[in-house]
Amino acid sequence: MLTDGNTINGDMKMLGIEDPQIWMAYLLSVASALGCIIYGLMHWNDKDPKEES
């Protein structure tokens, strides 16, 4: 069977990682980092409620 280096026994692997759970961990890490950045940008100049009173 000829392979192009990206398949093993018909299973696709990306960047040498075969386990989809590992890919999910990477994707969730990137997604949570982006979520933190977006949250930080949205609340960059919010005043502290303790300072207002």
PDB file of N, CA and C in Angstrom:
ATOM      1  N   MET A   1       0.840  -1.180   0.000  1.00  0.00           N
ATOM      2  CA  MET A   1       0.000   0.000   0.000  1.00  0.00           C
ATOM      3  C   MET A   1       0.885   1.244   0.000  1.00  0.00           C
ATOM      4  N   LEU A   2       0.642   2.135  -0.920  1.00  0.00           N
ATOM      5  CA  LEU A   2       1.409   3.370  -0.995  1.00  0.00           C
ATOM      6  C   LEU A   2       0.811   4.402  -0.048  1.00  0.00           C
ATOM      7  N   THR A   3       1.680   5.103   0.639  1.00  0.00           N
ATOM      8  CA  THR A   3       1.211   6.169   1.532  1.00  0.00           C
ATOM      9  C   THR A   3       1.982   7.433   1.221  1.00  0.00           C
ATOM     10  N   ASP A   4       1.405   8.557   1.566  1.00  0.00           N
ATOM     11  CA  ASP A   4       2.062   9.841   1.333  1.00  0.00           C
ATOM     12  C   ASP A   4       2.688  10.403   2.606  1.00  0.00           C
ATOM     13  N   GLY A   5       2.754   9.610   3.664  1.00  0.00           N
ATOM     14  CA  GLY A   5       3.340  10.062   4.915  1.00  0.00           C
ATOM     15  C   GLY A   5       2.326  10.658   5.872  1.00  0.00           C
ATOM     16  N   ASN A   6       1.123  10.932   5.385  1.00  0.00           N
ATOM     17  CA  ASN A   6       0.086  11.513   6.243  1.00  0.00           C
ATOM     18  C   ASN A   6      -0.947  10.498   6.703  1.00  0.00           C
ATOM     19  N   THR A   7      -0.868   9.303   6.206  1.00  0.00           N
ATOM     20  CA  THR A   7      -1.842   8.292   6.594  1.00  0.00           C
ATOM     21  C   THR A   7      -1.131   7.059   7.131  1.00  0.00           C
ATOM     22  N   ILE A   8      -1.759   6.447   8.096  1.00  0.00           N
ATOM     23  CA  ILE A   8      -1.283   5.174   8.633  1.00  0.00           C
ATOM     24  C   ILE A   8      -2.488   4.250   8.676  1.00  0.00           C
ATOM     25  N   ASN A   9      -2.429   3.196   7.913  1.00  0.00           N
ATOM     26  CA  ASN A   9      -3.533   2.232   7.840  1.00  0.00           C
ATOM     27  C   ASN A   9      -4.861   2.915   7.510  1.00  0.00           C
ATOM     28  N   GLY A  10      -4.807   3.950   6.676  1.00  0.00           N
ATOM     29  CA  GLY A  10      -6.026   4.632   6.268  1.00  0.00           C
ATOM     30  C   GLY A  10      -6.484   5.719   7.224  1.00  0.00           C
ATOM     31  N   ASP A  11      -5.825   5.855   8.373  1.00  0.00           N
ATOM     32  CA  ASP A  11      -6.193   6.896   9.328  1.00  0.00           C
ATOM     33  C   ASP A  11      -5.380   8.157   9.048  1.00  0.00           C
ATOM     34  N   MET A  12      -6.042   9.290   9.099  1.00  0.00           N
ATOM     35  CA  MET A  12      -5.360  10.553   8.857  1.00  0.00           C
ATOM     36  C   MET A  12      -4.699  11.037  10.134  1.00  0.00           C
ATOM     37  N   LYS A  13      -3.487  11.557  10.022  1.00  0.00           N
ATOM     38  CA  LYS A  13      -2.842  12.171  11.169  1.00  0.00           C
ATOM     39  C   LYS A  13      -2.337  13.543  10.741  1.00  0.00           C
ATOM     40  N   MET A  14      -2.502  14.506  11.618  1.00  0.00           N
ATOM     41  CA  MET A  14      -2.083  15.864  11.318  1.00  0.00           C
ATOM     42  C   MET A  14      -0.845  16.199  12.136  1.00  0.00           C
ATOM     43  N   LEU A  15       0.169  16.689  11.473  1.00  0.00           N
ATOM     44  CA  LEU A  15       1.420  17.074  12.112  1.00  0.00           C
ATOM     45  C   LEU A  15       2.008  15.956  12.966  1.00  0.00           C
ATOM     46  N   GLY A  16       1.741  14.733  12.598  1.00  0.00           N
ATOM     47  CA  GLY A  16       2.298  13.598  13.311  1.00  0.00           C
ATOM     48  C   GLY A  16       1.527  13.196  14.553  1.00  0.00           C
ATOM     49  N   ILE A  17       0.406  13.842  14.822  1.00  0.00           N
ATOM     50  CA  ILE A  17      -0.399  13.524  16.008  1.00  0.00           C
ATOM     51  C   ILE A  17      -1.627  12.749  15.548  1.00  0.00           C
ATOM     52  N   GLU A  18      -1.739  11.538  16.017  1.00  0.00           N
ATOM     53  CA  GLU A  18      -2.827  10.668  15.573  1.00  0.00           C
ATOM     54  C   GLU A  18      -4.067  10.759  16.452  1.00  0.00           C
ATOM     55  N   ASP A  19      -3.904  11.043  17.723  1.00  0.00           N
ATOM     56  CA  ASP A  19      -5.007  10.990  18.678  1.00  0.00           C
ATOM     57  C   ASP A  19      -5.871  12.249  18.596  1.00  0.00           C
ATOM     58  N   PRO A  20      -7.157  12.122  18.295  1.00  0.00           N
ATOM     59  CA  PRO A  20      -8.018  13.309  18.201  1.00  0.00           C
ATOM     60  C   PRO A  20      -8.192  14.022  19.546  1.00  0.00           C
ATOM     61  N   GLN A  21      -8.014  13.319  20.647  1.00  0.00           N
ATOM     62  CA  GLN A  21      -8.133  13.973  21.952  1.00  0.00           C
ATOM     63  C   GLN A  21      -6.993  14.962  22.175  1.00  0.00           C
ATOM     64  N   ILE A  22      -5.825  14.661  21.654  1.00  0.00           N
ATOM     65  CA  ILE A  22      -4.702  15.584  21.747  1.00  0.00           C
ATOM     66  C   ILE A  22      -4.999  16.827  20.923  1.00  0.00           C
ATOM     67  N   TRP A  23      -5.560  16.630  19.726  1.00  0.00           N
ATOM     68  CA  TRP A  23      -5.935  17.770  18.893  1.00  0.00           C
ATOM     69  C   TRP A  23      -6.984  18.626  19.584  1.00  0.00           C
ATOM     70  N   MET A  24      -7.946  17.993  20.242  1.00  0.00           N
ATOM     71  CA  MET A  24      -8.975  18.763  20.958  1.00  0.00           C
ATOM     72  C   MET A  24      -8.344  19.589  22.076  1.00  0.00           C
ATOM     73  N   ALA A  25      -7.368  19.038  22.772  1.00  0.00           N
ATOM     74  CA  ALA A  25      -6.696  19.776  23.835  1.00  0.00           C
ATOM     75  C   ALA A  25      -5.985  21.003  23.264  1.00  0.00           C
ATOM     76  N   TYR A  26      -5.293  20.833  22.143  1.00  0.00           N
ATOM     77  CA  TYR A  26      -4.617  21.962  21.508  1.00  0.00           C
ATOM     78  C   TYR A  26      -5.632  23.018  21.052  1.00  0.00           C
ATOM     79  N   LEU A  27      -6.697  22.587  20.410  1.00  0.00           N
ATOM     80  CA  LEU A  27      -7.691  23.530  19.908  1.00  0.00           C
ATOM     81  C   LEU A  27      -8.384  24.280  21.051  1.00  0.00           C
ATOM     82  N   LEU A  28      -8.701  23.576  22.126  1.00  0.00           N
ATOM     83  CA  LEU A  28      -9.338  24.238  23.263  1.00  0.00           C
ATOM     84  C   LEU A  28      -8.378  25.208  23.956  1.00  0.00           C
ATOM     85  N   SER A  29      -7.106  24.888  23.981  1.00  0.00           N
ATOM     86  CA  SER A  29      -6.119  25.805  24.564  1.00  0.00           C
ATOM     87  C   SER A  29      -6.035  27.094  23.758  1.00  0.00           C
ATOM     88  N   VAL A  30      -5.983  26.973  22.444  1.00  0.00           N
ATOM     89  CA  VAL A  30      -5.937  28.157  21.589  1.00  0.00           C
ATOM     90  C   VAL A  30      -7.238  28.949  21.705  1.00  0.00           C
ATOM     91  N   ALA A  31      -8.370  28.247  21.733  1.00  0.00           N
ATOM     92  CA  ALA A  31      -9.660  28.929  21.838  1.00  0.00           C
ATOM     93  C   ALA A  31      -9.785  29.668  23.165  1.00  0.00           C
ATOM     94  N   SER A  32      -9.321  29.081  24.246  1.00  0.00           N
ATOM     95  CA  SER A  32      -9.417  29.758  25.541  1.00  0.00           C
ATOM     96  C   SER A  32      -8.475  30.956  25.598  1.00  0.00           C
ATOM     97  N   ALA A  33      -7.307  30.857  24.973  1.00  0.00           N
ATOM     98  CA  ALA A  33      -6.392  32.000  24.921  1.00  0.00           C
ATOM     99  C   ALA A  33      -7.017  33.146  24.132  1.00  0.00           C
ATOM    100  N   LEU A  34      -7.638  32.830  23.011  1.00  0.00           N
ATOM    101  CA  LEU A  34      -8.318  33.865  22.229  1.00  0.00           C
ATOM    102  C   LEU A  34      -9.477  34.473  23.008  1.00  0.00           C
ATOM    103  N   GLY A  35     -10.203  33.642  23.743  1.00  0.00           N
ATOM    104  CA  GLY A  35     -11.301  34.147  24.575  1.00  0.00           C
ATOM    105  C   GLY A  35     -10.806  35.103  25.645  1.00  0.00           C
ATOM    106  N   CYS A  36      -9.675  34.786  26.252  1.00  0.00           N
ATOM    107  CA  CYS A  36      -9.096  35.676  27.269  1.00  0.00           C
ATOM    108  C   CYS A  36      -8.648  36.991  26.655  1.00  0.00           C
ATOM    109  N   ILE A  37      -8.071  36.933  25.471  1.00  0.00           N
ATOM    110  CA  ILE A  37      -7.633  38.161  24.800  1.00  0.00           C
ATOM    111  C   ILE A  37      -8.835  39.037  24.462  1.00  0.00           C
ATOM    112  N   ILE A  38      -9.880  38.429  23.930  1.00  0.00           N
ATOM    113  CA  ILE A  38     -11.082  39.189  23.569  1.00  0.00           C
ATOM    114  C   ILE A  38     -11.726  39.791  24.808  1.00  0.00           C
ATOM    115  N   TYR A  39     -11.822  39.034  25.879  1.00  0.00           N
ATOM    116  CA  TYR A  39     -12.394  39.542  27.128  1.00  0.00           C
ATOM    117  C   TYR A  39     -11.560  40.710  27.653  1.00  0.00           C
ATOM    118  N   GLY A  40     -10.255  40.573  27.616  1.00  0.00           N
ATOM    119  CA  GLY A  40      -9.384  41.635  28.094  1.00  0.00           C
ATOM    120  C   GLY A  40      -9.523  42.903  27.279  1.00  0.00           C
ATOM    121  N   LEU A  41      -9.625  42.751  25.962  1.00  0.00           N
ATOM    122  CA  LEU A  41      -9.795  43.928  25.106  1.00  0.00           C
ATOM    123  C   LEU A  41     -11.146  44.607  25.339  1.00  0.00           C
ATOM    124  N   MET A  42     -12.177  43.814  25.575  1.00  0.00           N
ATOM    125  CA  MET A  42     -13.508  44.386  25.801  1.00  0.00           C
ATOM    126  C   MET A  42     -13.584  45.129  27.130  1.00  0.00           C
ATOM    127  N   HIS A  43     -12.850  44.691  28.129  1.00  0.00           N
ATOM    128  CA  HIS A  43     -12.933  45.272  29.469  1.00  0.00           C
ATOM    129  C   HIS A  43     -11.658  46.030  29.841  1.00  0.00           C
ATOM    130  N   TRP A  44     -10.918  46.507  28.843  1.00  0.00           N
ATOM    131  CA  TRP A  44      -9.617  47.134  29.066  1.00  0.00           C
ATOM    132  C   TRP A  44      -9.721  48.359  29.977  1.00  0.00           C
ATOM    133  N   ASN A  45     -10.669  49.233  29.715  1.00  0.00           N
ATOM    134  CA  ASN A  45     -10.758  50.500  30.438  1.00  0.00           C
ATOM    135  C   ASN A  45     -11.941  50.557  31.399  1.00  0.00           C
ATOM    136  N   ASP A  46     -12.479  49.436  31.785  1.00  0.00           N
ATOM    137  CA  ASP A  46     -13.582  49.443  32.749  1.00  0.00           C
ATOM    138  C   ASP A  46     -13.080  49.952  34.092  1.00  0.00           C
ATOM    139  N   LYS A  47     -13.932  50.745  34.744  1.00  0.00           N
ATOM    140  CA  LYS A  47     -13.556  51.251  36.059  1.00  0.00           C
ATOM    141  C   LYS A  47     -13.853  50.204  37.120  1.00  0.00           C
ATOM    142  N   ASP A  48     -13.072  50.246  38.168  1.00  0.00           N
ATOM    143  CA  ASP A  48     -13.256  49.361  39.297  1.00  0.00           C
ATOM    144  C   ASP A  48     -14.468  49.837  40.098  1.00  0.00           C
ATOM    145  N   PRO A  49     -15.437  48.955  40.403  1.00  0.00           N
ATOM    146  CA  PRO A  49     -16.626  49.381  41.151  1.00  0.00           C
ATOM    147  C   PRO A  49     -16.271  49.971  42.520  1.00  0.00           C
ATOM    148  N   LYS A  50     -15.174  49.551  43.121  1.00  0.00           N
ATOM    149  CA  LYS A  50     -14.778  50.079  44.426  1.00  0.00           C
ATOM    150  C   LYS A  50     -14.327  51.538  44.315  1.00  0.00           C
ATOM    151  N   GLU A  51     -13.755  51.933  43.182  1.00  0.00           N
ATOM    152  CA  GLU A  51     -13.293  53.299  43.000  1.00  0.00           C
ATOM    153  C   GLU A  51     -14.453  54.252  42.738  1.00  0.00           C
ATOM    154  N   GLU A  52     -15.571  53.768  42.199  1.00  0.00           N
ATOM    155  CA  GLU A  52     -16.698  54.627  41.852  1.00  0.00           C
ATOM    156  C   GLU A  52     -17.449  55.119  43.064  1.00  0.00           C
ATOM    157  N   SER A  53     -17.445  54.400  44.176  1.00  0.00           N
ATOM    158  CA  SER A  53     -18.229  54.798  45.335  1.00  0.00           C
ATOM    159  C   SER A  53     -17.401  55.528  46.355  1.00  0.00           C
TER     160      SER A  53
END
